[in-house]
Full PDB file with SEQRES, HELIX, SHEET, SSBOND, CRYST1, ORIGX, SCALE, CONECT and MASTER records, all heavy atoms in Angstrom:
SEQRES   1 A   42  GLN HIS ASN VAL ILE PRO ASP LEU CYS GLU PHE THR LEU          
SEQRES   2 A   42  ASP VAL ARG VAL THR ASP ALA TYR THR LEU GLU GLU ALA          
SEQRES   3 A   42  PHE GLU GLU LEU LYS SER LYS LEU LYS ALA GLU LEU THR          
SEQRES   4 A   42  PRO ARG SER                                                  
HELIX    1 AA1 LEU A   23  LYS A   31  1                                   9    
CRYST1    1.000    1.000    1.000  90.00  90.00  90.00 P 1           1          
ORIGX1      1.000000  0.000000  0.000000        0.00000                         
ORIGX2      0.000000  1.000000  0.000000        0.00000                         
ORIGX3      0.000000  0.000000  1.000000        0.00000                         
SCALE1      1.000000  0.000000  0.000000        0.00000                         
SCALE2      0.000000  1.000000  0.000000        0.00000                         
SCALE3      0.000000  0.000000  1.000000        0.00000                         
ATOM      1  N   GLN A   1     -13.850  64.596 -38.974  1.00  0.00           N  
ATOM      2  CA  GLN A   1     -12.664  63.827 -38.615  1.00  0.00           C  
ATOM      3  C   GLN A   1     -11.669  63.842 -39.768  1.00  0.00           C  
ATOM      4  O   GLN A   1     -12.031  64.112 -40.921  1.00  0.00           O  
ATOM      5  CB  GLN A   1     -13.034  62.394 -38.220  1.00  0.00           C  
ATOM      6  CG  GLN A   1     -13.759  61.593 -39.278  1.00  0.00           C  
ATOM      7  CD  GLN A   1     -14.311  60.296 -38.718  1.00  0.00           C  
ATOM      8  OE1 GLN A   1     -15.209  60.305 -37.877  1.00  0.00           O  
ATOM      9  NE2 GLN A   1     -13.749  59.176 -39.190  1.00  0.00           N  
ATOM     10  N   HIS A   2     -10.405  63.520 -39.451  1.00  0.00           N  
ATOM     11  CA  HIS A   2      -9.310  63.762 -40.391  1.00  0.00           C  
ATOM     12  C   HIS A   2      -9.374  62.916 -41.648  1.00  0.00           C  
ATOM     13  O   HIS A   2      -8.842  63.294 -42.692  1.00  0.00           O  
ATOM     14  CB  HIS A   2      -7.965  63.538 -39.685  1.00  0.00           C  
ATOM     15  CG  HIS A   2      -7.637  62.091 -39.477  1.00  0.00           C  
ATOM     16  ND1 HIS A   2      -6.944  61.351 -40.409  1.00  0.00           N  
ATOM     17  CD2 HIS A   2      -7.946  61.251 -38.459  1.00  0.00           C  
ATOM     18  CE1 HIS A   2      -6.815  60.110 -39.958  1.00  0.00           C  
ATOM     19  NE2 HIS A   2      -7.412  60.024 -38.774  1.00  0.00           N  
ATOM     20  N   ASN A   3     -10.015  61.769 -41.596  1.00  0.00           N  
ATOM     21  CA  ASN A   3      -9.957  60.856 -42.742  1.00  0.00           C  
ATOM     22  C   ASN A   3     -11.230  60.840 -43.580  1.00  0.00           C  
ATOM     23  O   ASN A   3     -11.433  59.934 -44.391  1.00  0.00           O  
ATOM     24  CB  ASN A   3      -9.617  59.435 -42.273  1.00  0.00           C  
ATOM     25  CG  ASN A   3     -10.627  58.901 -41.274  1.00  0.00           C  
ATOM     26  OD1 ASN A   3     -11.495  59.633 -40.803  1.00  0.00           O  
ATOM     27  ND2 ASN A   3     -10.502  57.620 -40.943  1.00  0.00           N  
ATOM     28  N   VAL A   4     -12.089  61.827 -43.358  1.00  0.00           N  
ATOM     29  CA  VAL A   4     -13.336  61.914 -44.118  1.00  0.00           C  
ATOM     30  C   VAL A   4     -13.363  63.227 -44.903  1.00  0.00           C  
ATOM     31  O   VAL A   4     -13.183  64.301 -44.326  1.00  0.00           O  
ATOM     32  CB  VAL A   4     -14.567  61.833 -43.191  1.00  0.00           C  
ATOM     33  CG1 VAL A   4     -15.848  61.987 -44.006  1.00  0.00           C  
ATOM     34  CG2 VAL A   4     -14.568  60.516 -42.417  1.00  0.00           C  
ATOM     35  N   ILE A   5     -13.593  63.127 -46.206  1.00  0.00           N  
ATOM     36  CA  ILE A   5     -13.762  64.331 -47.023  1.00  0.00           C  
ATOM     37  C   ILE A   5     -15.020  65.056 -46.543  1.00  0.00           C  
ATOM     38  O   ILE A   5     -16.109  64.466 -46.506  1.00  0.00           O  
ATOM     39  CB  ILE A   5     -13.916  63.960 -48.516  1.00  0.00           C  
ATOM     40  CG1 ILE A   5     -12.673  63.221 -49.025  1.00  0.00           C  
ATOM     41  CG2 ILE A   5     -14.205  65.201 -49.352  1.00  0.00           C  
ATOM     42  CD1 ILE A   5     -11.424  64.071 -49.040  1.00  0.00           C  
ATOM     43  N   PRO A   6     -14.917  66.323 -46.152  1.00  0.00           N  
ATOM     44  CA  PRO A   6     -16.094  67.022 -45.623  1.00  0.00           C  
ATOM     45  C   PRO A   6     -17.117  67.305 -46.717  1.00  0.00           C  
ATOM     46  O   PRO A   6     -16.770  67.759 -47.816  1.00  0.00           O  
ATOM     47  CB  PRO A   6     -15.510  68.315 -45.066  1.00  0.00           C  
ATOM     48  CG  PRO A   6     -14.248  68.537 -45.818  1.00  0.00           C  
ATOM     49  CD  PRO A   6     -13.711  67.174 -46.131  1.00  0.00           C  
ATOM     50  N   ASP A   7     -18.356  66.972 -46.407  1.00  0.00           N  
ATOM     51  CA  ASP A   7     -19.426  67.203 -47.386  1.00  0.00           C  
ATOM     52  C   ASP A   7     -20.163  68.516 -47.155  1.00  0.00           C  
ATOM     53  O   ASP A   7     -21.088  68.855 -47.909  1.00  0.00           O  
ATOM     54  CB  ASP A   7     -20.431  66.041 -47.368  1.00  0.00           C  
ATOM     55  CG  ASP A   7     -21.132  65.897 -46.026  1.00  0.00           C  
ATOM     56  OD1 ASP A   7     -20.750  66.593 -45.063  1.00  0.00           O  
ATOM     57  OD2 ASP A   7     -22.064  65.074 -45.937  1.00  0.00           O  
ATOM     58  N   LEU A   8     -19.778  69.260 -46.131  1.00  0.00           N  
ATOM     59  CA  LEU A   8     -20.433  70.540 -45.841  1.00  0.00           C  
ATOM     60  C   LEU A   8     -19.422  71.516 -45.263  1.00  0.00           C  
ATOM     61  O   LEU A   8     -18.653  71.159 -44.361  1.00  0.00           O  
ATOM     62  CB  LEU A   8     -21.586  70.341 -44.848  1.00  0.00           C  
ATOM     63  CG  LEU A   8     -22.350  71.598 -44.412  1.00  0.00           C  
ATOM     64  CD1 LEU A   8     -23.110  72.208 -45.599  1.00  0.00           C  
ATOM     65  CD2 LEU A   8     -23.313  71.286 -43.264  1.00  0.00           C  
ATOM     66  N   CYS A   9     -19.427  72.726 -45.771  1.00  0.00           N  
ATOM     67  CA  CYS A   9     -18.620  73.807 -45.199  1.00  0.00           C  
ATOM     68  C   CYS A   9     -19.551  74.992 -44.942  1.00  0.00           C  
ATOM     69  O   CYS A   9     -20.302  75.411 -45.831  1.00  0.00           O  
ATOM     70  CB  CYS A   9     -17.492  74.218 -46.127  1.00  0.00           C  
ATOM     71  SG  CYS A   9     -16.396  75.472 -45.409  1.00  0.00           S  
ATOM     72  N   GLU A  10     -19.520  75.492 -43.716  1.00  0.00           N  
ATOM     73  CA  GLU A  10     -20.357  76.629 -43.334  1.00  0.00           C  
ATOM     74  C   GLU A  10     -19.458  77.801 -42.935  1.00  0.00           C  
ATOM     75  O   GLU A  10     -18.437  77.609 -42.269  1.00  0.00           O  
ATOM     76  CB  GLU A  10     -21.270  76.240 -42.165  1.00  0.00           C  
ATOM     77  CG  GLU A  10     -22.219  75.108 -42.505  1.00  0.00           C  
ATOM     78  CD  GLU A  10     -22.993  74.619 -41.287  1.00  0.00           C  
ATOM     79  OE1 GLU A  10     -22.321  74.085 -40.368  1.00  0.00           O  
ATOM     80  OE2 GLU A  10     -24.219  74.771 -41.258  1.00  0.00           O  
ATOM     81  N   PHE A  11     -19.830  78.978 -43.346  1.00  0.00           N  
ATOM     82  CA  PHE A  11     -19.074  80.157 -42.935  1.00  0.00           C  
ATOM     83  C   PHE A  11     -20.016  81.338 -42.737  1.00  0.00           C  
ATOM     84  O   PHE A  11     -21.169  81.317 -43.190  1.00  0.00           O  
ATOM     85  CB  PHE A  11     -17.956  80.490 -43.930  1.00  0.00           C  
ATOM     86  CG  PHE A  11     -18.370  80.637 -45.367  1.00  0.00           C  
ATOM     87  CD1 PHE A  11     -18.677  81.884 -45.896  1.00  0.00           C  
ATOM     88  CD2 PHE A  11     -18.423  79.526 -46.212  1.00  0.00           C  
ATOM     89  CE1 PHE A  11     -19.038  82.030 -47.227  1.00  0.00           C  
ATOM     90  CE2 PHE A  11     -18.786  79.665 -47.547  1.00  0.00           C  
ATOM     91  CZ  PHE A  11     -19.096  80.915 -48.057  1.00  0.00           C  
ATOM     92  N   THR A  12     -19.503  82.335 -42.035  1.00  0.00           N  
ATOM     93  CA  THR A  12     -20.302  83.513 -41.694  1.00  0.00           C  
ATOM     94  C   THR A  12     -19.678  84.750 -42.307  1.00  0.00           C  
ATOM     95  O   THR A  12     -18.455  84.927 -42.277  1.00  0.00           O  
ATOM     96  CB  THR A  12     -20.391  83.678 -40.159  1.00  0.00           C  
ATOM     97  OG1 THR A  12     -21.001  82.507 -39.607  1.00  0.00           O  
ATOM     98  CG2 THR A  12     -21.222  84.898 -39.787  1.00  0.00           C  
ATOM     99  N   LEU A  13     -20.519  85.602 -42.857  1.00  0.00           N  
ATOM    100  CA  LEU A  13     -20.078  86.859 -43.457  1.00  0.00           C  
ATOM    101  C   LEU A  13     -20.605  88.035 -42.656  1.00  0.00           C  
ATOM    102  O   LEU A  13     -21.784  88.078 -42.299  1.00  0.00           O  
ATOM    103  CB  LEU A  13     -20.573  86.969 -44.904  1.00  0.00           C  
ATOM    104  CG  LEU A  13     -20.177  85.846 -45.852  1.00  0.00           C  
ATOM    105  CD1 LEU A  13     -20.789  86.077 -47.228  1.00  0.00           C  
ATOM    106  CD2 LEU A  13     -18.667  85.722 -45.943  1.00  0.00           C  
ATOM    107  N   ASP A  14     -19.722  88.972 -42.361  1.00  0.00           N  
ATOM    108  CA  ASP A  14     -20.077  90.225 -41.702  1.00  0.00           C  
ATOM    109  C   ASP A  14     -20.045  91.305 -42.785  1.00  0.00           C  
ATOM    110  O   ASP A  14     -19.001  91.579 -43.371  1.00  0.00           O  
ATOM    111  CB  ASP A  14     -19.062  90.526 -40.594  1.00  0.00           C  
ATOM    112  CG  ASP A  14     -19.334  91.837 -39.876  1.00  0.00           C  
ATOM    113  OD1 ASP A  14     -19.186  92.906 -40.499  1.00  0.00           O  
ATOM    114  OD2 ASP A  14     -19.659  91.800 -38.679  1.00  0.00           O  
ATOM    115  N   VAL A  15     -21.204  91.909 -43.056  1.00  0.00           N  
ATOM    116  CA  VAL A  15     -21.305  92.905 -44.124  1.00  0.00           C  
ATOM    117  C   VAL A  15     -21.676  94.254 -43.520  1.00  0.00           C  
ATOM    118  O   VAL A  15     -22.743  94.386 -42.906  1.00  0.00           O  
ATOM    119  CB  VAL A  15     -22.363  92.498 -45.181  1.00  0.00           C  
ATOM    120  CG1 VAL A  15     -22.250  93.405 -46.408  1.00  0.00           C  
ATOM    121  CG2 VAL A  15     -22.208  91.038 -45.577  1.00  0.00           C  
ATOM    122  N   ARG A  16     -20.791  95.232 -43.650  1.00  0.00           N  
ATOM    123  CA  ARG A  16     -21.036  96.584 -43.160  1.00  0.00           C  
ATOM    124  C   ARG A  16     -21.530  97.414 -44.344  1.00  0.00           C  
ATOM    125  O   ARG A  16     -20.786  97.767 -45.246  1.00  0.00           O  
ATOM    126  CB  ARG A  16     -19.762  97.173 -42.557  1.00  0.00           C  
ATOM    127  CG  ARG A  16     -19.221  96.341 -41.391  1.00  0.00           C  
ATOM    128  CD  ARG A  16     -20.165  96.353 -40.199  1.00  0.00           C  
ATOM    129  NE  ARG A  16     -19.832  95.322 -39.224  1.00  0.00           N  
ATOM    130  CZ  ARG A  16     -20.059  95.446 -37.914  1.00  0.00           C  
ATOM    131  NH1 ARG A  16     -20.631  96.535 -37.442  1.00  0.00           N  
ATOM    132  NH2 ARG A  16     -19.753  94.468 -37.086  1.00  0.00           N  
ATOM    133  N   VAL A  17     -22.826  97.691 -44.325  1.00  0.00           N  
ATOM    134  CA  VAL A  17     -23.523  98.227 -45.489  1.00  0.00           C  
ATOM    135  C   VAL A  17     -23.639  99.746 -45.399  1.00  0.00           C  
ATOM    136  O   VAL A  17     -24.134 100.280 -44.390  1.00  0.00           O  
ATOM    137  CB  VAL A  17     -24.925  97.592 -45.606  1.00  0.00           C  
ATOM    138  CG1 VAL A  17     -25.639  98.086 -46.861  1.00  0.00           C  
ATOM    139  CG2 VAL A  17     -24.817  96.063 -45.627  1.00  0.00           C  
ATOM    140  N   THR A  18     -23.205 100.437 -46.433  1.00  0.00           N  
ATOM    141  CA  THR A  18     -23.296 101.897 -46.452  1.00  0.00           C  
ATOM    142  C   THR A  18     -24.695 102.339 -46.881  1.00  0.00           C  
ATOM    143  O   THR A  18     -25.524 101.527 -47.313  1.00  0.00           O  
ATOM    144  CB  THR A  18     -22.277 102.517 -47.412  1.00  0.00           C  
ATOM    145  OG1 THR A  18     -22.710 102.291 -48.761  1.00  0.00           O  
ATOM    146  CG2 THR A  18     -20.893 101.918 -47.206  1.00  0.00           C  
ATOM    147  N   ASP A  19     -24.902 103.658 -46.820  1.00  0.00           N  
ATOM    148  CA  ASP A  19     -26.197 104.215 -47.210  1.00  0.00           C  
ATOM    149  C   ASP A  19     -26.436 104.144 -48.715  1.00  0.00           C  
ATOM    150  O   ASP A  19     -27.521 104.492 -49.188  1.00  0.00           O  
ATOM    151  CB  ASP A  19     -26.311 105.660 -46.733  1.00  0.00           C  
ATOM    152  CG  ASP A  19     -25.179 106.532 -47.247  1.00  0.00           C  
ATOM    153  OD1 ASP A  19     -24.011 106.211 -46.953  1.00  0.00           O  
ATOM    154  OD2 ASP A  19     -25.444 107.532 -47.936  1.00  0.00           O  
ATOM    155  N   ALA A  20     -25.448 103.675 -49.483  1.00  0.00           N  
ATOM    156  CA  ALA A  20     -25.649 103.484 -50.923  1.00  0.00           C  
ATOM    157  C   ALA A  20     -26.525 102.267 -51.209  1.00  0.00           C  
ATOM    158  O   ALA A  20     -27.007 102.096 -52.337  1.00  0.00           O  
ATOM    159  CB  ALA A  20     -24.297 103.332 -51.624  1.00  0.00           C  
ATOM    160  N   TYR A  21     -26.716 101.407 -50.208  1.00  0.00           N  
ATOM    161  CA  TYR A  21     -27.485 100.177 -50.371  1.00  0.00           C  
ATOM    162  C   TYR A  21     -28.500 100.010 -49.244  1.00  0.00           C  
ATOM    163  O   TYR A  21     -28.254 100.424 -48.102  1.00  0.00           O  
ATOM    164  CB  TYR A  21     -26.561  98.947 -50.305  1.00  0.00           C  
ATOM    165  CG  TYR A  21     -25.677  98.724 -51.493  1.00  0.00           C  
ATOM    166  CD1 TYR A  21     -24.420  99.320 -51.568  1.00  0.00           C  
ATOM    167  CD2 TYR A  21     -26.085  97.896 -52.534  1.00  0.00           C  
ATOM    168  CE1 TYR A  21     -23.593  99.095 -52.660  1.00  0.00           C  
ATOM    169  CE2 TYR A  21     -25.260  97.661 -53.630  1.00  0.00           C  
ATOM    170  CZ  TYR A  21     -24.013  98.273 -53.682  1.00  0.00           C  
ATOM    171  OH  TYR A  21     -23.200  98.046 -54.763  1.00  0.00           O  
ATOM    172  N   THR A  22     -29.602  99.346 -49.558  1.00  0.00           N  
ATOM    173  CA  THR A  22     -30.394  98.715 -48.510  1.00  0.00           C  
ATOM    174  C   THR A  22     -29.748  97.368 -48.213  1.00  0.00           C  
ATOM    175  O   THR A  22     -28.947  96.860 -49.016  1.00  0.00           O  
ATOM    176  CB  THR A  22     -31.854  98.484 -48.956  1.00  0.00           C  
ATOM    177  OG1 THR A  22     -31.864  97.545 -50.041  1.00  0.00           O  
ATOM    178  CG2 THR A  22     -32.510  99.796 -49.391  1.00  0.00           C  
ATOM    179  N   LEU A  23     -30.081  96.766 -47.098  1.00  0.00           N  
ATOM    180  CA  LEU A  23     -29.539  95.440 -46.796  1.00  0.00           C  
ATOM    181  C   LEU A  23     -29.955  94.430 -47.860  1.00  0.00           C  
ATOM    182  O   LEU A  23     -29.172  93.551 -48.242  1.00  0.00           O  
ATOM    183  CB  LEU A  23     -30.020  94.972 -45.416  1.00  0.00           C  
ATOM    184  CG  LEU A  23     -29.611  95.812 -44.203  1.00  0.00           C  
ATOM    185  CD1 LEU A  23     -30.001  95.089 -42.920  1.00  0.00           C  
ATOM    186  CD2 LEU A  23     -28.127  96.130 -44.190  1.00  0.00           C  
ATOM    187  N   GLU A  24     -31.176  94.574 -48.335  1.00  0.00           N  
ATOM    188  CA  GLU A  24     -31.677  93.645 -49.346  1.00  0.00           C  
ATOM    189  C   GLU A  24     -30.867  93.757 -50.644  1.00  0.00           C  
ATOM    190  O   GLU A  24     -30.533  92.748 -51.276  1.00  0.00           O  
ATOM    191  CB  GLU A  24     -33.158  93.938 -49.626  1.00  0.00           C  
ATOM    192  CG  GLU A  24     -34.101  93.604 -48.483  1.00  0.00           C  
ATOM    193  CD  GLU A  24     -34.151  94.664 -47.385  1.00  0.00           C  
ATOM    194  OE1 GLU A  24     -33.484  95.718 -47.521  1.00  0.00           O  
ATOM    195  OE2 GLU A  24     -34.850  94.443 -46.380  1.00  0.00           O  
ATOM    196  N   GLU A  25     -30.535  94.977 -51.040  1.00  0.00           N  
ATOM    197  CA  GLU A  25     -29.750  95.180 -52.261  1.00  0.00           C  
ATOM    198  C   GLU A  25     -28.338  94.614 -52.120  1.00  0.00           C  
ATOM    199  O   GLU A  25     -27.816  93.973 -53.044  1.00  0.00           O  
ATOM    200  CB  GLU A  25     -29.681  96.672 -52.584  1.00  0.00           C  
ATOM    201  CG  GLU A  25     -31.011  97.263 -53.048  1.00  0.00           C  
ATOM    202  CD  GLU A  25     -30.972  98.781 -53.113  1.00  0.00           C  
ATOM    203  OE1 GLU A  25     -30.088  99.401 -52.472  1.00  0.00           O  
ATOM    204  OE2 GLU A  25     -31.845  99.354 -53.793  1.00  0.00           O  
ATOM    205  N   ALA A  26     -27.715  94.856 -50.962  1.00  0.00           N  
ATOM    206  CA  ALA A  26     -26.372  94.328 -50.729  1.00  0.00           C  
ATOM    207  C   ALA A  26     -26.387  92.804 -50.745  1.00  0.00           C  
ATOM    208  O   ALA A  26     -25.476  92.159 -51.304  1.00  0.00           O  
ATOM    209  CB  ALA A  26     -25.825  94.842 -49.401  1.00  0.00           C  
ATOM    210  N   PHE A  27     -27.408  92.218 -50.140  1.00  0.00           N  
ATOM    211  CA  PHE A  27     -27.528  90.764 -50.111  1.00  0.00           C  
ATOM    212  C   PHE A  27     -27.642  90.194 -51.528  1.00  0.00           C  
ATOM    213  O   PHE A  27     -26.965  89.215 -51.875  1.00  0.00           O  
ATOM    214  CB  PHE A  27     -28.742  90.353 -49.277  1.00  0.00           C  
ATOM    215  CG  PHE A  27     -28.983  88.865 -49.230  1.00  0.00           C  
ATOM    216  CD1 PHE A  27     -28.196  88.056 -48.442  1.00  0.00           C  
ATOM    217  CD2 PHE A  27     -30.001  88.293 -49.985  1.00  0.00           C  
ATOM    218  CE1 PHE A  27     -28.406  86.681 -48.399  1.00  0.00           C  
ATOM    219  CE2 PHE A  27     -30.218  86.932 -49.956  1.00  0.00           C  
ATOM    220  CZ  PHE A  27     -29.419  86.118 -49.158  1.00  0.00           C  
ATOM    221  N   GLU A  28     -28.472  90.805 -52.354  1.00  0.00           N  
ATOM    222  CA  GLU A  28     -28.671  90.302 -53.703  1.00  0.00           C  
ATOM    223  C   GLU A  28     -27.398  90.423 -54.543  1.00  0.00           C  
ATOM    224  O   GLU A  28     -27.099  89.540 -55.353  1.00  0.00           O  
ATOM    225  CB  GLU A  28     -29.830  91.046 -54.383  1.00  0.00           C  
ATOM    226  CG  GLU A  28     -31.200  90.688 -53.830  1.00  0.00           C  
ATOM    227  CD  GLU A  28     -31.533  89.213 -53.939  1.00  0.00           C  
ATOM    228  OE1 GLU A  28     -31.169  88.597 -54.975  1.00  0.00           O  
ATOM    229  OE2 GLU A  28     -32.139  88.658 -53.005  1.00  0.00           O  
ATOM    230  N   GLU A  29     -26.634  91.496 -54.345  1.00  0.00           N  
ATOM    231  CA  GLU A  29     -25.391  91.651 -55.099  1.00  0.00           C  
ATOM    232  C   GLU A  29     -24.379  90.568 -54.721  1.00  0.00           C  
ATOM    233  O   GLU A  29     -23.707  90.000 -55.585  1.00  0.00           O  
ATOM    234  CB  GLU A  29     -24.800  93.043 -54.874  1.00  0.00           C  
ATOM    235  CG  GLU A  29     -23.649  93.361 -55.817  1.00  0.00           C  
ATOM    236  CD  GLU A  29     -23.279  94.832 -55.829  1.00  0.00           C  
ATOM    237  OE1 GLU A  29     -24.186  95.681 -55.791  1.00  0.00           O  
ATOM    238  OE2 GLU A  29     -22.066  95.123 -55.878  1.00  0.00           O  
ATOM    239  N   LEU A  30     -24.283  90.269 -53.426  1.00  0.00           N  
ATOM    240  CA  LEU A  30     -23.399  89.186 -52.986  1.00  0.00           C  
ATOM    241  C   LEU A  30     -23.879  87.837 -53.508  1.00  0.00           C  
ATOM    242  O   LEU A  30     -23.094  87.012 -53.995  1.00  0.00           O  
ATOM    243  CB  LEU A  30     -23.347  89.148 -51.464  1.00  0.00           C  
ATOM    244  CG  LEU A  30     -22.250  89.909 -50.745  1.00  0.00           C  
ATOM    245  CD1 LEU A  30     -22.428  89.780 -49.236  1.00  0.00           C  
ATOM    246  CD2 LEU A  30     -20.868  89.392 -51.154  1.00  0.00           C  
ATOM    247  N   LYS A  31     -25.163  87.623 -53.411  1.00  0.00           N  
ATOM    248  CA  LYS A  31     -25.757  86.336 -53.805  1.00  0.00           C  
ATOM    249  C   LYS A  31     -25.464  86.026 -55.273  1.00  0.00           C  
ATOM    250  O   LYS A  31     -25.258  84.860 -55.643  1.00  0.00           O  
ATOM    251  CB  LYS A  31     -27.265  86.379 -53.550  1.00  0.00           C  
ATOM    252  CG  LYS A  31     -27.993  85.063 -53.750  1.00  0.00           C  
ATOM    253  CD  LYS A  31     -29.463  85.217 -53.397  1.00  0.00           C  
ATOM    254  CE  LYS A  31     -30.223  83.930 -53.634  1.00  0.00           C  
ATOM    255  NZ  LYS A  31     -31.670  84.094 -53.310  1.00  0.00           N  
ATOM    256  N   SER A  32     -25.431  87.062 -56.098  1.00  0.00           N  
ATOM    257  CA  SER A  32     -25.199  86.852 -57.528  1.00  0.00           C  
ATOM    258  C   SER A  32     -23.760  86.440 -57.840  1.00  0.00           C  
ATOM    259  O   SER A  32     -23.476  85.952 -58.938  1.00  0.00           O  
ATOM    260  CB  SER A  32     -25.536  88.132 -58.296  1.00  0.00           C  
ATOM    261  OG  SER A  32     -24.588  89.161 -58.027  1.00  0.00           O  
ATOM    262  N   LYS A  33     -22.843  86.611 -56.866  1.00  0.00           N  
ATOM    263  CA  LYS A  33     -21.426  86.348 -57.108  1.00  0.00           C  
ATOM    264  C   LYS A  33     -20.916  85.079 -56.423  1.00  0.00           C  
ATOM    265  O   LYS A  33     -19.817  84.605 -56.731  1.00  0.00           O  
ATOM    266  CB  LYS A  33     -20.585  87.528 -56.627  1.00  0.00           C  
ATOM    267  CG  LYS A  33     -20.917  88.852 -57.305  1.00  0.00           C  
ATOM    268  CD  LYS A  33     -20.538  88.844 -58.771  1.00  0.00           C  
ATOM    269  CE  LYS A  33     -20.766  90.202 -59.413  1.00  0.00           C  
ATOM    270  NZ  LYS A  33     -20.402  90.219 -60.843  1.00  0.00           N  
ATOM    271  N   LEU A  34     -21.679  84.522 -55.495  1.00  0.00           N  
ATOM    272  CA  LEU A  34     -21.199  83.394 -54.699  1.00  0.00           C  
ATOM    273  C   LEU A  34     -21.975  82.120 -55.009  1.00  0.00           C  
ATOM    274  O   LEU A  34     -23.151  82.155 -55.376  1.00  0.00           O  
ATOM    275  CB  LEU A  34     -21.313  83.729 -53.208  1.00  0.00           C  
ATOM    276  CG  LEU A  34     -20.572  84.986 -52.724  1.00  0.00           C  
ATOM    277  CD1 LEU A  34     -20.781  85.192 -51.239  1.00  0.00           C  
ATOM    278  CD2 LEU A  34     -19.087  84.910 -53.059  1.00  0.00           C  
ATOM    279  N   LYS A  35     -21.325  80.975 -54.817  1.00  0.00           N  
ATOM    280  CA  LYS A  35     -21.945  79.676 -55.070  1.00  0.00           C  
ATOM    281  C   LYS A  35     -22.672  79.137 -53.843  1.00  0.00           C  
ATOM    282  O   LYS A  35     -23.563  78.303 -53.954  1.00  0.00           O  
ATOM    283  CB  LYS A  35     -20.877  78.674 -55.514  1.00  0.00           C  
ATOM    284  CG  LYS A  35     -20.181  79.052 -56.820  1.00  0.00           C  
ATOM    285  CD  LYS A  35     -19.046  78.093 -57.127  1.00  0.00           C  
ATOM    286  CE  LYS A  35     -18.312  78.506 -58.413  1.00  0.00           C  
ATOM    287  NZ  LYS A  35     -17.146  77.630 -58.678  1.00  0.00           N  
ATOM    288  N   ALA A  36     -22.267  79.582 -52.670  1.00  0.00           N  
ATOM    289  CA  ALA A  36     -22.849  79.066 -51.429  1.00  0.00           C  
ATOM    290  C   ALA A  36     -24.319  79.467 -51.301  1.00  0.00           C  
ATOM    291  O   ALA A  36     -24.762  80.471 -51.879  1.00  0.00           O  
ATOM    292  CB  ALA A  36     -22.059  79.579 -50.235  1.00  0.00           C  
ATOM    293  N   GLU A  37     -25.032  78.696 -50.517  1.00  0.00           N  
ATOM    294  CA  GLU A  37     -26.403  79.056 -50.147  1.00  0.00           C  
ATOM    295  C   GLU A  37     -26.321  80.087 -49.018  1.00  0.00           C  
ATOM    296  O   GLU A  37     -25.730  79.822 -47.977  1.00  0.00           O  
ATOM    297  CB  GLU A  37     -27.161  77.813 -49.688  1.00  0.00           C  
ATOM    298  CG  GLU A  37     -28.582  78.089 -49.225  1.00  0.00           C  
ATOM    299  CD  GLU A  37     -29.258  76.860 -48.656  1.00  0.00           C  
ATOM    300  OE1 GLU A  37     -28.842  75.723 -49.010  1.00  0.00           O  
ATOM    301  OE2 GLU A  37     -30.184  77.029 -47.836  1.00  0.00           O  
ATOM    302  N   LEU A  38     -26.904  81.254 -49.219  1.00  0.00           N  
ATOM    303  CA  LEU A  38     -26.789  82.353 -48.264  1.00  0.00           C  
ATOM    304  C   LEU A  38     -28.110  82.578 -47.545  1.00  0.00           C  
ATOM    305  O   LEU A  38     -29.175  82.622 -48.168  1.00  0.00           O  
ATOM    306  CB  LEU A  38     -26.380  83.643 -48.984  1.00  0.00           C  
ATOM    307  CG  LEU A  38     -25.107  83.607 -49.836  1.00  0.00           C  
ATOM    308  CD1 LEU A  38     -24.835  84.982 -50.430  1.00  0.00           C  
ATOM    309  CD2 LEU A  38     -23.918  83.120 -49.021  1.00  0.00           C  
ATOM    310  N   THR A  39     -28.014  82.753 -46.228  1.00  0.00           N  
ATOM    311  CA  THR A  39     -29.205  83.034 -45.415  1.00  0.00           C  
ATOM    312  C   THR A  39     -28.919  84.211 -44.500  1.00  0.00           C  
ATOM    313  O   THR A  39     -28.059  84.115 -43.607  1.00  0.00           O  
ATOM    314  CB  THR A  39     -29.592  81.812 -44.560  1.00  0.00           C  
ATOM    315  OG1 THR A  39     -29.776  80.675 -45.398  1.00  0.00           O  
ATOM    316  CG2 THR A  39     -30.867  82.093 -43.778  1.00  0.00           C  
ATOM    317  N   PRO A  40     -29.598  85.337 -44.686  1.00  0.00           N  
ATOM    318  CA  PRO A  40     -29.373  86.486 -43.787  1.00  0.00           C  
ATOM    319  C   PRO A  40     -30.001  86.230 -42.421  1.00  0.00           C  
ATOM    320  O   PRO A  40     -31.109  85.682 -42.338  1.00  0.00           O  
ATOM    321  CB  PRO A  40     -30.071  87.639 -44.507  1.00  0.00           C  
ATOM    322  CG  PRO A  40     -31.121  86.990 -45.342  1.00  0.00           C  
ATOM    323  CD  PRO A  40     -30.589  85.641 -45.727  1.00  0.00           C  
ATOM    324  N   ARG A  41     -29.299  86.618 -41.363  1.00  0.00           N  
ATOM    325  CA  ARG A  41     -29.855  86.444 -40.019  1.00  0.00           C  
ATOM    326  C   ARG A  41     -30.959  87.458 -39.741  1.00  0.00           C  
ATOM    327  O   ARG A  41     -31.915  87.169 -39.024  1.00  0.00           O  
ATOM    328  CB  ARG A  41     -28.753  86.587 -38.981  1.00  0.00           C  
ATOM    329  CG  ARG A  41     -27.748  85.453 -38.992  1.00  0.00           C  
ATOM    330  CD  ARG A  41     -26.759  85.566 -37.851  1.00  0.00           C  
ATOM    331  NE  ARG A  41     -25.716  84.553 -37.954  1.00  0.00           N  
ATOM    332  CZ  ARG A  41     -24.693  84.455 -37.112  1.00  0.00           C  
ATOM    333  NH1 ARG A  41     -24.567  85.309 -36.102  1.00  0.00           N  
ATOM    334  NH2 ARG A  41     -23.786  83.504 -37.284  1.00  0.00           N  
ATOM    335  N   SER A  42     -30.794  88.669 -40.259  1.00  0.00           N  
ATOM    336  CA  SER A  42     -31.752  89.731 -39.980  1.00  0.00           C  
ATOM    337  C   SER A  42     -31.639  90.801 -41.052  1.00  0.00           C  
ATOM    338  O   SER A  42     -30.567  91.014 -41.621  1.00  0.00           O  
ATOM    339  CB  SER A  42     -31.476  90.343 -38.604  1.00  0.00           C  
ATOM    340  OG  SER A  42     -32.230  91.530 -38.409  1.00  0.00           O  
TER     341      SER A  42                                                      
MASTER        0    0    0    1    0    0    0    6  340    1    0    4          
END                                                                             
């Protein structure tokens, strides 16, 4: 609601991964740069 400072922000990232990375490697590189808690769907 408009008058409450939000205590949670959620967002979704779409990552198109090239053959230079495994998904796990790409995830770890992103994780090292961001403050958010990241959870891969698959």
